[in-house]
Amino acid sequence: MHLATIPYWFNVAVIGAAGLVTIWRGGRDERLIGGLQVFGVLNSYTHVYAGVLYFGGPVHGTFPAFDNIINVELVDLVEFAICLLLALRGRSYWTVWASSALLLSVLTDGLHFVMPAIGGWAYGSAGLVWTYVTTFVVLWGALTRKPAPESADPPLAAA
């Protein structure tokens, strides 16, 4: 029996579209994480090997190559570190939720790396859940962002 999976094009479309909306509607912090998410989804699902476009991930029971998994883990780790720095600055509350989901994603990657007995479906499912949680939290942050209040003082004229 083979369970139906969410097609990759759907994941790329949903996460990519949410990232693009985040880049379009968000402030500096949201745009940074949204850009990282767009890069991350394209990086995790497409990987270039000797000029050949390779779609990583489970295709009929085949899972990504080891170097692709390391690549995805490094992108997740960088995204988590940047989001954690944004959360520590404390400008927006969404960064705390996004950092939490990204920490779970990094821990999932790490567990899969050190315990290969964890099945590929479990790893892939958990990774997808954390990715969707992060995506929608960042999208929520971008869509609910209040614009910076305009200063009562007019800008200084250049001399």
C-alpha atoms as a PDB file:
ATOM      1  CA  MET A   1       0.000   0.000   0.000  1.00  0.00           C
ATOM      2  CA  HIS A   2       1.364   3.415  -0.921  1.00  0.00           C
ATOM      3  CA  LEU A   3      -0.063   6.438   0.824  1.00  0.00           C
ATOM      4  CA  ALA A   4      -0.888   9.471  -1.238  1.00  0.00           C
ATOM      5  CA  THR A   5       1.514  12.333  -0.669  1.00  0.00           C
ATOM      6  CA  ILE A   6       1.192  16.034  -1.205  1.00  0.00           C
ATOM      7  CA  PRO A   7       2.724  16.698  -4.624  1.00  0.00           C
ATOM      8  CA  TYR A   8       5.945  18.685  -4.580  1.00  0.00           C
ATOM      9  CA  TRP A   9       4.661  21.275  -6.970  1.00  0.00           C
ATOM     10  CA  PHE A  10       1.881  22.012  -4.448  1.00  0.00           C
ATOM     11  CA  ASN A  11       4.357  22.506  -1.589  1.00  0.00           C
ATOM     12  CA  VAL A  12       6.582  24.709  -3.741  1.00  0.00           C
ATOM     13  CA  ALA A  13       3.563  26.702  -4.940  1.00  0.00           C
ATOM     14  CA  VAL A  14       2.046  27.243  -1.466  1.00  0.00           C
ATOM     15  CA  ILE A  15       5.283  28.003   0.370  1.00  0.00           C
ATOM     16  CA  GLY A  16       6.668  30.037  -2.526  1.00  0.00           C
ATOM     17  CA  ALA A  17       3.456  32.060  -2.903  1.00  0.00           C
ATOM     18  CA  ALA A  18       3.290  32.731   0.844  1.00  0.00           C
ATOM     19  CA  GLY A  19       6.944  33.791   0.784  1.00  0.00           C
ATOM     20  CA  LEU A  20       6.334  36.142  -2.143  1.00  0.00           C
ATOM     21  CA  VAL A  21       3.294  37.690  -0.411  1.00  0.00           C
ATOM     22  CA  THR A  22       5.433  38.083   2.707  1.00  0.00           C
ATOM     23  CA  ILE A  23       8.135  39.840   0.670  1.00  0.00           C
ATOM     24  CA  TRP A  24       5.501  42.067  -0.941  1.00  0.00           C
ATOM     25  CA  ARG A  25       3.489  42.995   2.183  1.00  0.00           C
ATOM     26  CA  GLY A  26       5.977  42.641   5.020  1.00  0.00           C
ATOM     27  CA  GLY A  27       8.448  44.940   6.646  1.00  0.00           C
ATOM     28  CA  ARG A  28      12.201  44.419   6.686  1.00  0.00           C
ATOM     29  CA  ASP A  29      12.107  41.469   9.118  1.00  0.00           C
ATOM     30  CA  GLU A  30       9.255  39.710   7.321  1.00  0.00           C
ATOM     31  CA  ARG A  31      10.917  40.242   3.940  1.00  0.00           C
ATOM     32  CA  LEU A  32      14.166  38.763   5.216  1.00  0.00           C
ATOM     33  CA  ILE A  33      12.535  35.581   6.515  1.00  0.00           C
ATOM     34  CA  GLY A  34      10.156  35.403   3.533  1.00  0.00           C
ATOM     35  CA  GLY A  35      13.119  35.605   1.160  1.00  0.00           C
ATOM     36  CA  LEU A  36      14.896  32.877   3.094  1.00  0.00           C
ATOM     37  CA  GLN A  37      11.779  30.717   2.874  1.00  0.00           C
ATOM     38  CA  VAL A  38      11.503  31.154  -0.889  1.00  0.00           C
ATOM     39  CA  PHE A  39      15.185  30.310  -1.210  1.00  0.00           C
ATOM     40  CA  GLY A  40      14.793  27.374   1.167  1.00  0.00           C
ATOM     41  CA  VAL A  41      11.829  25.821  -0.641  1.00  0.00           C
ATOM     42  CA  LEU A  42      13.543  26.128  -4.002  1.00  0.00           C
ATOM     43  CA  ASN A  43      16.790  24.811  -2.529  1.00  0.00           C
ATOM     44  CA  SER A  44      15.193  21.851  -0.786  1.00  0.00           C
ATOM     45  CA  TYR A  45      13.171  20.682  -3.765  1.00  0.00           C
ATOM     46  CA  THR A  46      15.610  21.424  -6.524  1.00  0.00           C
ATOM     47  CA  HIS A  47      19.270  20.586  -6.361  1.00  0.00           C
ATOM     48  CA  VAL A  48      21.773  20.906  -9.149  1.00  0.00           C
ATOM     49  CA  TYR A  49      24.054  17.923  -9.788  1.00  0.00           C
ATOM     50  CA  ALA A  50      26.502  18.397 -12.673  1.00  0.00           C
ATOM     51  CA  GLY A  51      24.121  20.674 -14.551  1.00  0.00           C
ATOM     52  CA  VAL A  52      21.135  18.345 -14.206  1.00  0.00           C
ATOM     53  CA  LEU A  53      18.075  19.636 -12.385  1.00  0.00           C
ATOM     54  CA  TYR A  54      17.294  17.064  -9.703  1.00  0.00           C
ATOM     55  CA  PHE A  55      14.056  17.131  -7.745  1.00  0.00           C
ATOM     56  CA  GLY A  56      14.917  15.954  -4.224  1.00  0.00           C
ATOM     57  CA  GLY A  57      12.584  14.244  -1.853  1.00  0.00           C
ATOM     58  CA  PRO A  58      10.567  11.069  -1.733  1.00  0.00           C
ATOM     59  CA  VAL A  59       9.558   9.984  -5.217  1.00  0.00           C
ATOM     60  CA  HIS A  60       8.016   6.507  -5.047  1.00  0.00           C
ATOM     61  CA  GLY A  61       9.984   5.642  -1.906  1.00  0.00           C
ATOM     62  CA  THR A  62      13.311   7.188  -2.929  1.00  0.00           C
ATOM     63  CA  PHE A  63      14.634   9.820  -0.561  1.00  0.00           C
ATOM     64  CA  PRO A  64      17.065  12.691  -1.146  1.00  0.00           C
ATOM     65  CA  ALA A  65      20.778  12.130  -1.441  1.00  0.00           C
ATOM     66  CA  PHE A  66      22.829  12.631   1.726  1.00  0.00           C
ATOM     67  CA  ASP A  67      24.474  15.862   0.523  1.00  0.00           C
ATOM     68  CA  ASN A  68      21.048  17.293  -0.283  1.00  0.00           C
ATOM     69  CA  ILE A  69      19.909  16.550   3.293  1.00  0.00           C
ATOM     70  CA  ILE A  70      22.990  18.343   4.679  1.00  0.00           C
ATOM     71  CA  ASN A  71      22.261  21.264   2.357  1.00  0.00           C
ATOM     72  CA  VAL A  72      18.657  21.504   3.615  1.00  0.00           C
ATOM     73  CA  GLU A  73      19.808  21.278   7.242  1.00  0.00           C
ATOM     74  CA  LEU A  74      22.280  24.130   6.766  1.00  0.00           C
ATOM     75  CA  VAL A  75      19.601  26.349   5.210  1.00  0.00           C
ATOM     76  CA  ASP A  76      17.243  25.542   8.110  1.00  0.00           C
ATOM     77  CA  LEU A  77      19.987  26.340  10.617  1.00  0.00           C
ATOM     78  CA  VAL A  78      20.760  29.708   8.993  1.00  0.00           C
ATOM     79  CA  GLU A  79      17.053  30.581   8.831  1.00  0.00           C
ATOM     80  CA  PHE A  80      16.634  29.634  12.514  1.00  0.00           C
ATOM     81  CA  ALA A  81      19.675  31.706  13.582  1.00  0.00           C
ATOM     82  CA  ILE A  82      18.446  34.805  11.742  1.00  0.00           C
ATOM     83  CA  CYS A  83      14.891  34.423  13.031  1.00  0.00           C
ATOM     84  CA  LEU A  84      16.174  33.922  16.578  1.00  0.00           C
ATOM     85  CA  LEU A  85      18.182  37.143  16.308  1.00  0.00           C
ATOM     86  CA  LEU A  86      15.053  38.938  15.124  1.00  0.00           C
ATOM     87  CA  ALA A  87      13.100  37.457  18.050  1.00  0.00           C
ATOM     88  CA  LEU A  88      15.755  38.597  20.519  1.00  0.00           C
ATOM     89  CA  ARG A  89      15.460  42.130  19.156  1.00  0.00           C
ATOM     90  CA  GLY A  90      11.809  41.929  20.160  1.00  0.00           C
ATOM     91  CA  ARG A  91      10.139  44.054  17.489  1.00  0.00           C
ATOM     92  CA  SER A  92       7.430  41.538  16.593  1.00  0.00           C
ATOM     93  CA  TYR A  93       5.854  38.644  18.419  1.00  0.00           C
ATOM     94  CA  TRP A  94       5.581  36.454  15.314  1.00  0.00           C
ATOM     95  CA  THR A  95       9.357  35.939  15.410  1.00  0.00           C
ATOM     96  CA  VAL A  96       9.024  33.988  18.677  1.00  0.00           C
ATOM     97  CA  TRP A  97       6.557  31.560  17.079  1.00  0.00           C
ATOM     98  CA  ALA A  98       8.595  31.294  13.883  1.00  0.00           C
ATOM     99  CA  SER A  99      11.800  30.695  15.871  1.00  0.00           C
ATOM    100  CA  SER A 100      10.046  27.938  17.818  1.00  0.00           C
ATOM    101  CA  ALA A 101       8.918  26.167  14.645  1.00  0.00           C
ATOM    102  CA  LEU A 102      12.358  26.599  13.088  1.00  0.00           C
ATOM    103  CA  LEU A 103      13.995  25.163  16.219  1.00  0.00           C
ATOM    104  CA  LEU A 104      11.763  22.104  15.887  1.00  0.00           C
ATOM    105  CA  SER A 105      12.754  21.883  12.223  1.00  0.00           C
ATOM    106  CA  VAL A 106      16.464  22.053  13.091  1.00  0.00           C
ATOM    107  CA  LEU A 107      16.008  19.422  15.823  1.00  0.00           C
ATOM    108  CA  THR A 108      14.145  17.191  13.364  1.00  0.00           C
ATOM    109  CA  ASP A 109      17.005  17.577  10.870  1.00  0.00           C
ATOM    110  CA  GLY A 110      19.553  16.803  13.561  1.00  0.00           C
ATOM    111  CA  LEU A 111      17.701  13.718  14.791  1.00  0.00           C
ATOM    112  CA  HIS A 112      17.416  12.421  11.251  1.00  0.00           C
ATOM    113  CA  PHE A 113      21.134  13.001  10.774  1.00  0.00           C
ATOM    114  CA  VAL A 114      22.288  11.218  13.963  1.00  0.00           C
ATOM    115  CA  MET A 115      19.573   8.535  13.985  1.00  0.00           C
ATOM    116  CA  PRO A 116      19.178   7.292  10.417  1.00  0.00           C
ATOM    117  CA  ALA A 117      16.803   4.609  11.684  1.00  0.00           C
ATOM    118  CA  ILE A 118      14.134   7.320  11.786  1.00  0.00           C
ATOM    119  CA  GLY A 119      12.199   6.616   8.628  1.00  0.00           C
ATOM    120  CA  GLY A 120      12.219   8.955   5.700  1.00  0.00           C
ATOM    121  CA  TRP A 121       8.461   9.379   5.820  1.00  0.00           C
ATOM    122  CA  ALA A 122       8.594  10.465   9.470  1.00  0.00           C
ATOM    123  CA  TYR A 123      11.415  12.904   8.724  1.00  0.00           C
ATOM    124  CA  GLY A 124       9.720  14.255   5.614  1.00  0.00           C
ATOM    125  CA  SER A 125       6.342  14.628   7.315  1.00  0.00           C
ATOM    126  CA  ALA A 126       7.762  16.408  10.354  1.00  0.00           C
ATOM    127  CA  GLY A 127       9.871  18.690   8.164  1.00  0.00           C
ATOM    128  CA  LEU A 128       6.847  19.593   6.074  1.00  0.00           C
ATOM    129  CA  VAL A 129       4.740  20.345   9.164  1.00  0.00           C
ATOM    130  CA  TRP A 130       7.407  22.674  10.606  1.00  0.00           C
ATOM    131  CA  THR A 131       7.829  24.337   7.222  1.00  0.00           C
ATOM    132  CA  TYR A 132       4.110  24.999   6.908  1.00  0.00           C
ATOM    133  CA  VAL A 133       3.896  26.300  10.481  1.00  0.00           C
ATOM    134  CA  THR A 134       6.824  28.653   9.897  1.00  0.00           C
ATOM    135  CA  THR A 135       5.432  29.774   6.544  1.00  0.00           C
ATOM    136  CA  PHE A 136       2.018  30.673   7.879  1.00  0.00           C
ATOM    137  CA  VAL A 137       3.380  32.355  11.019  1.00  0.00           C
ATOM    138  CA  VAL A 138       5.643  34.580   8.913  1.00  0.00           C
ATOM    139  CA  LEU A 139       2.783  35.264   6.487  1.00  0.00           C
ATOM    140  CA  TRP A 140       0.559  36.185   9.441  1.00  0.00           C
ATOM    141  CA  GLY A 141       3.296  38.530  10.690  1.00  0.00           C
ATOM    142  CA  ALA A 142       3.516  40.229   7.305  1.00  0.00           C
ATOM    143  CA  LEU A 143      -0.245  40.594   6.857  1.00  0.00           C
ATOM    144  CA  THR A 144      -0.871  41.942  10.371  1.00  0.00           C
ATOM    145  CA  ARG A 145       2.152  44.230  10.463  1.00  0.00           C
ATOM    146  CA  LYS A 146       1.353  47.776  11.435  1.00  0.00           C
ATOM    147  CA  PRO A 147       3.164  50.360   9.353  1.00  0.00           C
ATOM    148  CA  ALA A 148       5.742  52.430  11.180  1.00  0.00           C
ATOM    149  CA  PRO A 149       4.190  55.653  12.512  1.00  0.00           C
ATOM    150  CA  GLU A 150       5.115  58.676  10.483  1.00  0.00           C
ATOM    151  CA  SER A 151       7.278  61.150  12.297  1.00  0.00           C
ATOM    152  CA  ALA A 152       5.685  64.408  13.358  1.00  0.00           C
ATOM    153  CA  ASP A 153       8.900  66.164  12.332  1.00  0.00           C
ATOM    154  CA  PRO A 154       9.343  66.819   8.621  1.00  0.00           C
ATOM    155  CA  PRO A 155      12.505  65.341   7.107  1.00  0.00           C
ATOM    156  CA  LEU A 156      15.560  67.545   7.139  1.00  0.00           C
ATOM    157  CA  ALA A 157      16.293  69.263   3.854  1.00  0.00           C
ATOM    158  CA  ALA A 158      19.645  68.375   2.312  1.00  0.00           C
ATOM    159  CA  ALA A 159      22.008  71.294   2.426  1.00  0.00           C
END
